[in-house]
Amino acid sequence: MKLKTIFILFLLGVLILSGCTSNEQPNTPQNQQQENNQQGQDDTQPDVMTTASIVNDKDAFLNAVSSKGTWIIALLNDMTIDEDIELEGQFTHNDAPERKIALYSQDENRNITARYTLTAPSLIIRSENARIQSGTFKGDVFVDAKGFSLVDTKIEGNLYYANEEVKSSATIDEKSSVTGVTEIYQP
């Protein structure tokens, strides 16, 4: 069992890293700032540009969702966290702001091999273009940033948006569901 977990972890890491490579000059904060300055653009840019974090415990997960974490957080098992989770910080993936909580494992052909459940009192989304994908979140979700999406995910709880603009920028695919209410709240 331990060997299988290590193999899956290694395979997932290779897949993620191979999808993130390119022949272009690395998009480091310094290179982006130089390019912006050459084009007469301001210095506005995401806080961090990073790779994936594959997690199987609470501390690693909480670190990964922080503003110093990673653009993608991939679970390796069901997880229960007894405190509110805050997904914060701006990260870049494929030259666009994005965050992703992956509640699944996949094989080398990107077929989902396992789905996981993340349980917490609430999940607060403060990162632009954040996505929860292919699993279950048990708790309430509060969305404060634009571009939120649910992909093949079930929320066993309520889904709250900070305002109409945030709600209208969100997408929920046909495979996703919310068992509670979906409405605007006052942050």
C-alpha atoms as a PDB file:
ATOM      1  CA  MET A   1       0.000   0.000   0.000  1.00  0.00           C
ATOM      2  CA  LYS A   2       2.844   2.361   0.905  1.00  0.00           C
ATOM      3  CA  LEU A   3       4.571   1.607  -2.404  1.00  0.00           C
ATOM      4  CA  LYS A   4       1.346   2.299  -4.303  1.00  0.00           C
ATOM      5  CA  THR A   5       0.938   5.678  -2.540  1.00  0.00           C
ATOM      6  CA  ILE A   6       4.538   6.647  -3.322  1.00  0.00           C
ATOM      7  CA  PHE A   7       4.097   5.604  -6.954  1.00  0.00           C
ATOM      8  CA  ILE A   8       0.857   7.600  -7.302  1.00  0.00           C
ATOM      9  CA  LEU A   9       2.494  10.627  -5.646  1.00  0.00           C
ATOM     10  CA  PHE A  10       5.486  10.392  -7.984  1.00  0.00           C
ATOM     11  CA  LEU A  11       3.288   9.919 -11.058  1.00  0.00           C
ATOM     12  CA  LEU A  12       1.033  12.838 -10.130  1.00  0.00           C
ATOM     13  CA  GLY A  13       4.070  15.051  -9.562  1.00  0.00           C
ATOM     14  CA  VAL A  14       5.575  14.108 -12.945  1.00  0.00           C
ATOM     15  CA  LEU A  15       2.266  14.753 -14.721  1.00  0.00           C
ATOM     16  CA  ILE A  16       1.803  18.128 -13.103  1.00  0.00           C
ATOM     17  CA  LEU A  17       5.380  19.230 -13.717  1.00  0.00           C
ATOM     18  CA  SER A  18       5.396  18.010 -17.328  1.00  0.00           C
ATOM     19  CA  GLY A  19       2.255  20.013 -18.033  1.00  0.00           C
ATOM     20  CA  CYS A  20       3.846  23.134 -16.602  1.00  0.00           C
ATOM     21  CA  THR A  21       7.054  23.154 -18.664  1.00  0.00           C
ATOM     22  CA  SER A  22       7.759  25.174 -21.787  1.00  0.00           C
ATOM     23  CA  ASN A  23      10.632  26.248 -23.999  1.00  0.00           C
ATOM     24  CA  GLU A  24       9.966  29.915 -23.326  1.00  0.00           C
ATOM     25  CA  GLN A  25      11.978  32.056 -20.940  1.00  0.00           C
ATOM     26  CA  PRO A  26      10.795  31.375 -17.383  1.00  0.00           C
ATOM     27  CA  ASN A  27       8.030  33.695 -16.247  1.00  0.00           C
ATOM     28  CA  THR A  28       9.752  34.813 -13.060  1.00  0.00           C
ATOM     29  CA  PRO A  29       8.594  37.941 -11.237  1.00  0.00           C
ATOM     30  CA  GLN A  30      11.789  39.701 -12.371  1.00  0.00           C
ATOM     31  CA  ASN A  31      11.291  38.782 -16.060  1.00  0.00           C
ATOM     32  CA  GLN A  32       7.620  39.794 -15.933  1.00  0.00           C
ATOM     33  CA  GLN A  33       8.469  43.146 -14.345  1.00  0.00           C
ATOM     34  CA  GLN A  34      11.167  43.790 -17.000  1.00  0.00           C
ATOM     35  CA  GLU A  35       8.687  42.939 -19.773  1.00  0.00           C
ATOM     36  CA  ASN A  36       6.020  45.176 -18.216  1.00  0.00           C
ATOM     37  CA  ASN A  37       8.478  48.049 -17.908  1.00  0.00           C
ATOM     38  CA  GLN A  38       9.553  47.630 -21.561  1.00  0.00           C
ATOM     39  CA  GLN A  39       5.913  47.712 -22.639  1.00  0.00           C
ATOM     40  CA  GLY A  40       5.093  50.704 -20.435  1.00  0.00           C
ATOM     41  CA  GLN A  41       2.824  48.648 -18.179  1.00  0.00           C
ATOM     42  CA  ASP A  42       2.539  49.047 -14.437  1.00  0.00           C
ATOM     43  CA  ASP A  43       4.043  46.588 -11.955  1.00  0.00           C
ATOM     44  CA  THR A  44       0.693  44.957 -11.094  1.00  0.00           C
ATOM     45  CA  GLN A  45       1.202  41.208 -11.096  1.00  0.00           C
ATOM     46  CA  PRO A  46       0.259  38.145  -9.101  1.00  0.00           C
ATOM     47  CA  ASP A  47       1.922  37.721  -5.708  1.00  0.00           C
ATOM     48  CA  VAL A  48       3.452  34.350  -6.557  1.00  0.00           C
ATOM     49  CA  MET A  49       4.155  32.086  -9.524  1.00  0.00           C
ATOM     50  CA  THR A  50       4.557  28.477  -8.443  1.00  0.00           C
ATOM     51  CA  THR A  51       3.912  24.778  -9.042  1.00  0.00           C
ATOM     52  CA  ALA A  52       1.681  22.203  -7.340  1.00  0.00           C
ATOM     53  CA  SER A  53       1.448  21.005  -3.775  1.00  0.00           C
ATOM     54  CA  ILE A  54       0.404  17.393  -3.208  1.00  0.00           C
ATOM     55  CA  VAL A  55      -0.831  17.074   0.370  1.00  0.00           C
ATOM     56  CA  ASN A  56      -1.995  14.379   2.748  1.00  0.00           C
ATOM     57  CA  ASP A  57      -2.132  16.174   6.107  1.00  0.00           C
ATOM     58  CA  LYS A  58      -3.680  19.276   7.664  1.00  0.00           C
ATOM     59  CA  ASP A  59      -0.515  21.344   8.089  1.00  0.00           C
ATOM     60  CA  ALA A  60       0.639  20.802   4.503  1.00  0.00           C
ATOM     61  CA  PHE A  61      -2.848  21.647   3.222  1.00  0.00           C
ATOM     62  CA  LEU A  62      -3.137  24.863   5.270  1.00  0.00           C
ATOM     63  CA  ASN A  63       0.313  25.948   4.104  1.00  0.00           C
ATOM     64  CA  ALA A  64      -0.583  25.227   0.458  1.00  0.00           C
ATOM     65  CA  VAL A  65      -3.816  27.291   0.537  1.00  0.00           C
ATOM     66  CA  SER A  66      -2.089  30.289   2.169  1.00  0.00           C
ATOM     67  CA  SER A  67      -0.805  33.300   0.280  1.00  0.00           C
ATOM     68  CA  LYS A  68       2.650  31.662   0.385  1.00  0.00           C
ATOM     69  CA  GLY A  69       1.345  28.329  -0.939  1.00  0.00           C
ATOM     70  CA  THR A  70       0.893  26.982  -4.453  1.00  0.00           C
ATOM     71  CA  TRP A  71      -1.466  27.481  -7.408  1.00  0.00           C
ATOM     72  CA  ILE A  72      -2.793  23.898  -7.141  1.00  0.00           C
ATOM     73  CA  ILE A  73      -3.445  21.920  -4.010  1.00  0.00           C
ATOM     74  CA  ALA A  74      -3.979  18.203  -4.686  1.00  0.00           C
ATOM     75  CA  LEU A  75      -5.282  15.931  -1.927  1.00  0.00           C
ATOM     76  CA  LEU A  76      -4.132  12.327  -1.579  1.00  0.00           C
ATOM     77  CA  ASN A  77      -6.866  11.266   0.845  1.00  0.00           C
ATOM     78  CA  ASP A  78     -10.022  12.420   2.628  1.00  0.00           C
ATOM     79  CA  MET A  79      -9.217  15.223   5.044  1.00  0.00           C
ATOM     80  CA  THR A  80     -10.990  16.892   7.959  1.00  0.00           C
ATOM     81  CA  ILE A  81      -9.843  20.279   9.197  1.00  0.00           C
ATOM     82  CA  ASP A  82     -11.442  21.653  12.369  1.00  0.00           C
ATOM     83  CA  GLU A  83     -10.997  25.320  11.462  1.00  0.00           C
ATOM     84  CA  ASP A  84     -12.057  27.654   8.653  1.00  0.00           C
ATOM     85  CA  ILE A  85      -9.913  27.358   5.526  1.00  0.00           C
ATOM     86  CA  GLU A  86      -8.845  30.520   3.692  1.00  0.00           C
ATOM     87  CA  LEU A  87      -7.690  30.205   0.083  1.00  0.00           C
ATOM     88  CA  GLU A  88      -5.801  33.445  -0.430  1.00  0.00           C
ATOM     89  CA  GLY A  89      -3.111  35.012  -2.585  1.00  0.00           C
ATOM     90  CA  GLN A  90      -2.812  35.478  -6.330  1.00  0.00           C
ATOM     91  CA  PHE A  91      -0.991  32.813  -8.309  1.00  0.00           C
ATOM     92  CA  THR A  92      -0.273  32.371 -12.014  1.00  0.00           C
ATOM     93  CA  HIS A  93      -0.747  29.257 -14.121  1.00  0.00           C
ATOM     94  CA  ASN A  94      -0.477  29.408 -17.940  1.00  0.00           C
ATOM     95  CA  ASP A  95       0.049  33.186 -17.711  1.00  0.00           C
ATOM     96  CA  ALA A  96      -3.284  33.812 -15.953  1.00  0.00           C
ATOM     97  CA  PRO A  97      -4.307  34.124 -12.315  1.00  0.00           C
ATOM     98  CA  GLU A  98      -5.605  30.780 -11.041  1.00  0.00           C
ATOM     99  CA  ARG A  99      -5.942  28.568  -7.945  1.00  0.00           C
ATOM    100  CA  LYS A 100      -7.203  24.995  -7.833  1.00  0.00           C
ATOM    101  CA  ILE A 101      -8.138  22.605  -5.071  1.00  0.00           C
ATOM    102  CA  ALA A 102      -7.977  19.138  -6.642  1.00  0.00           C
ATOM    103  CA  LEU A 103     -10.048  16.659  -4.640  1.00  0.00           C
ATOM    104  CA  TYR A 104      -8.971  13.681  -6.752  1.00  0.00           C
ATOM    105  CA  SER A 105      -6.125  11.498  -8.019  1.00  0.00           C
ATOM    106  CA  GLN A 106      -5.562  10.663 -11.666  1.00  0.00           C
ATOM    107  CA  ASP A 107      -3.583   8.224 -13.767  1.00  0.00           C
ATOM    108  CA  GLU A 108      -1.074   8.987 -16.537  1.00  0.00           C
ATOM    109  CA  ASN A 109      -3.970   9.497 -18.994  1.00  0.00           C
ATOM    110  CA  ARG A 110      -5.647  12.009 -16.672  1.00  0.00           C
ATOM    111  CA  ASN A 111      -8.460   9.599 -15.830  1.00  0.00           C
ATOM    112  CA  ILE A 112      -9.765  10.138 -12.310  1.00  0.00           C
ATOM    113  CA  THR A 113      -8.787   7.168 -10.152  1.00  0.00           C
ATOM    114  CA  ALA A 114     -10.025   8.378  -6.745  1.00  0.00           C
ATOM    115  CA  ARG A 115     -12.182  11.201  -5.358  1.00  0.00           C
ATOM    116  CA  TYR A 116     -11.708  12.715  -1.926  1.00  0.00           C
ATOM    117  CA  THR A 117     -13.789  14.591   0.617  1.00  0.00           C
ATOM    118  CA  LEU A 118     -12.497  17.729   2.318  1.00  0.00           C
ATOM    119  CA  THR A 119     -14.428  18.645   5.481  1.00  0.00           C
ATOM    120  CA  ALA A 120     -14.191  21.972   7.337  1.00  0.00           C
ATOM    121  CA  PRO A 121     -16.594  24.462   8.926  1.00  0.00           C
ATOM    122  CA  SER A 122     -16.064  26.771   5.945  1.00  0.00           C
ATOM    123  CA  LEU A 123     -13.867  27.494   2.953  1.00  0.00           C
ATOM    124  CA  ILE A 124     -13.315  31.174   2.178  1.00  0.00           C
ATOM    125  CA  ILE A 125     -12.228  31.881  -1.409  1.00  0.00           C
ATOM    126  CA  ARG A 126     -10.123  35.047  -1.690  1.00  0.00           C
ATOM    127  CA  SER A 127      -8.047  34.039  -4.741  1.00  0.00           C
ATOM    128  CA  GLU A 128      -9.143  35.109  -8.215  1.00  0.00           C
ATOM    129  CA  ASN A 129     -10.157  32.303 -10.619  1.00  0.00           C
ATOM    130  CA  ALA A 130     -10.228  29.662  -7.888  1.00  0.00           C
ATOM    131  CA  ARG A 131     -11.591  26.233  -8.761  1.00  0.00           C
ATOM    132  CA  ILE A 132     -12.657  23.238  -6.705  1.00  0.00           C
ATOM    133  CA  GLN A 133     -12.553  20.082  -8.792  1.00  0.00           C
ATOM    134  CA  SER A 134     -13.755  16.456  -8.773  1.00  0.00           C
ATOM    135  CA  GLY A 135     -14.625  15.641  -5.196  1.00  0.00           C
ATOM    136  CA  THR A 136     -16.747  16.731  -2.245  1.00  0.00           C
ATOM    137  CA  PHE A 137     -16.424  19.659   0.132  1.00  0.00           C
ATOM    138  CA  LYS A 138     -18.418  19.321   3.363  1.00  0.00           C
ATOM    139  CA  GLY A 139     -19.006  22.767   4.839  1.00  0.00           C
ATOM    140  CA  ASP A 140     -20.024  26.235   3.680  1.00  0.00           C
ATOM    141  CA  VAL A 141     -18.144  28.025   0.890  1.00  0.00           C
ATOM    142  CA  PHE A 142     -17.807  31.826   0.939  1.00  0.00           C
ATOM    143  CA  VAL A 143     -16.611  33.358  -2.341  1.00  0.00           C
ATOM    144  CA  ASP A 144     -15.038  36.828  -2.136  1.00  0.00           C
ATOM    145  CA  ALA A 145     -13.121  36.814  -5.455  1.00  0.00           C
ATOM    146  CA  LYS A 146     -14.173  36.799  -9.103  1.00  0.00           C
ATOM    147  CA  GLY A 147     -13.901  33.798 -11.423  1.00  0.00           C
ATOM    148  CA  PHE A 148     -14.796  31.025  -8.946  1.00  0.00           C
ATOM    149  CA  SER A 149     -15.756  27.672 -10.475  1.00  0.00           C
ATOM    150  CA  LEU A 150     -16.975  24.255  -9.417  1.00  0.00           C
ATOM    151  CA  VAL A 151     -15.999  21.419 -11.720  1.00  0.00           C
ATOM    152  CA  ASP A 152     -17.427  17.957 -11.060  1.00  0.00           C
ATOM    153  CA  THR A 153     -17.727  18.832  -7.355  1.00  0.00           C
ATOM    154  CA  LYS A 154     -20.361  18.514  -4.679  1.00  0.00           C
ATOM    155  CA  ILE A 155     -20.667  21.066  -1.879  1.00  0.00           C
ATOM    156  CA  GLU A 156     -22.476  19.543   1.078  1.00  0.00           C
ATOM    157  CA  GLY A 157     -23.359  22.891   2.586  1.00  0.00           C
ATOM    158  CA  ASN A 158     -24.159  26.414   1.454  1.00  0.00           C
ATOM    159  CA  LEU A 159     -22.505  28.526  -1.240  1.00  0.00           C
ATOM    160  CA  TYR A 160     -22.331  32.249  -0.522  1.00  0.00           C
ATOM    161  CA  TYR A 161     -21.090  35.037  -2.806  1.00  0.00           C
ATOM    162  CA  ALA A 162     -19.823  38.416  -1.553  1.00  0.00           C
ATOM    163  CA  ASN A 163     -21.854  40.357  -4.147  1.00  0.00           C
ATOM    164  CA  GLU A 164     -23.671  40.070  -7.472  1.00  0.00           C
ATOM    165  CA  GLU A 165     -20.512  40.796  -9.500  1.00  0.00           C
ATOM    166  CA  VAL A 166     -18.679  37.880  -7.854  1.00  0.00           C
ATOM    167  CA  LYS A 167     -21.723  35.615  -8.320  1.00  0.00           C
ATOM    168  CA  SER A 168     -22.144  36.502 -12.005  1.00  0.00           C
ATOM    169  CA  SER A 169     -18.471  35.703 -12.697  1.00  0.00           C
ATOM    170  CA  ALA A 170     -18.770  32.215 -11.165  1.00  0.00           C
ATOM    171  CA  THR A 171     -19.440  28.984 -13.046  1.00  0.00           C
ATOM    172  CA  ILE A 172     -20.854  25.693 -11.831  1.00  0.00           C
ATOM    173  CA  ASP A 173     -20.731  22.863 -14.359  1.00  0.00           C
ATOM    174  CA  GLU A 174     -23.524  20.335 -14.865  1.00  0.00           C
ATOM    175  CA  LYS A 175     -21.678  17.644 -12.862  1.00  0.00           C
ATOM    176  CA  SER A 176     -21.512  19.869  -9.766  1.00  0.00           C
ATOM    177  CA  SER A 177     -24.096  20.435  -7.051  1.00  0.00           C
ATOM    178  CA  VAL A 178     -24.751  22.376  -3.854  1.00  0.00           C
ATOM    179  CA  THR A 179     -26.984  20.755  -1.241  1.00  0.00           C
ATOM    180  CA  GLY A 180     -27.734  23.987   0.657  1.00  0.00           C
ATOM    181  CA  VAL A 181     -28.592  27.520  -0.407  1.00  0.00           C
ATOM    182  CA  THR A 182     -26.729  29.556  -3.001  1.00  0.00           C
ATOM    183  CA  GLU A 183     -27.029  33.264  -2.267  1.00  0.00           C
ATOM    184  CA  ILE A 184     -25.277  36.580  -1.651  1.00  0.00           C
ATOM    185  CA  TYR A 185     -24.078  37.332   1.878  1.00  0.00           C
ATOM    186  CA  GLN A 186     -22.828  40.499   3.507  1.00  0.00           C
ATOM    187  CA  PRO A 187     -19.104  40.083   4.319  1.00  0.00           C
END
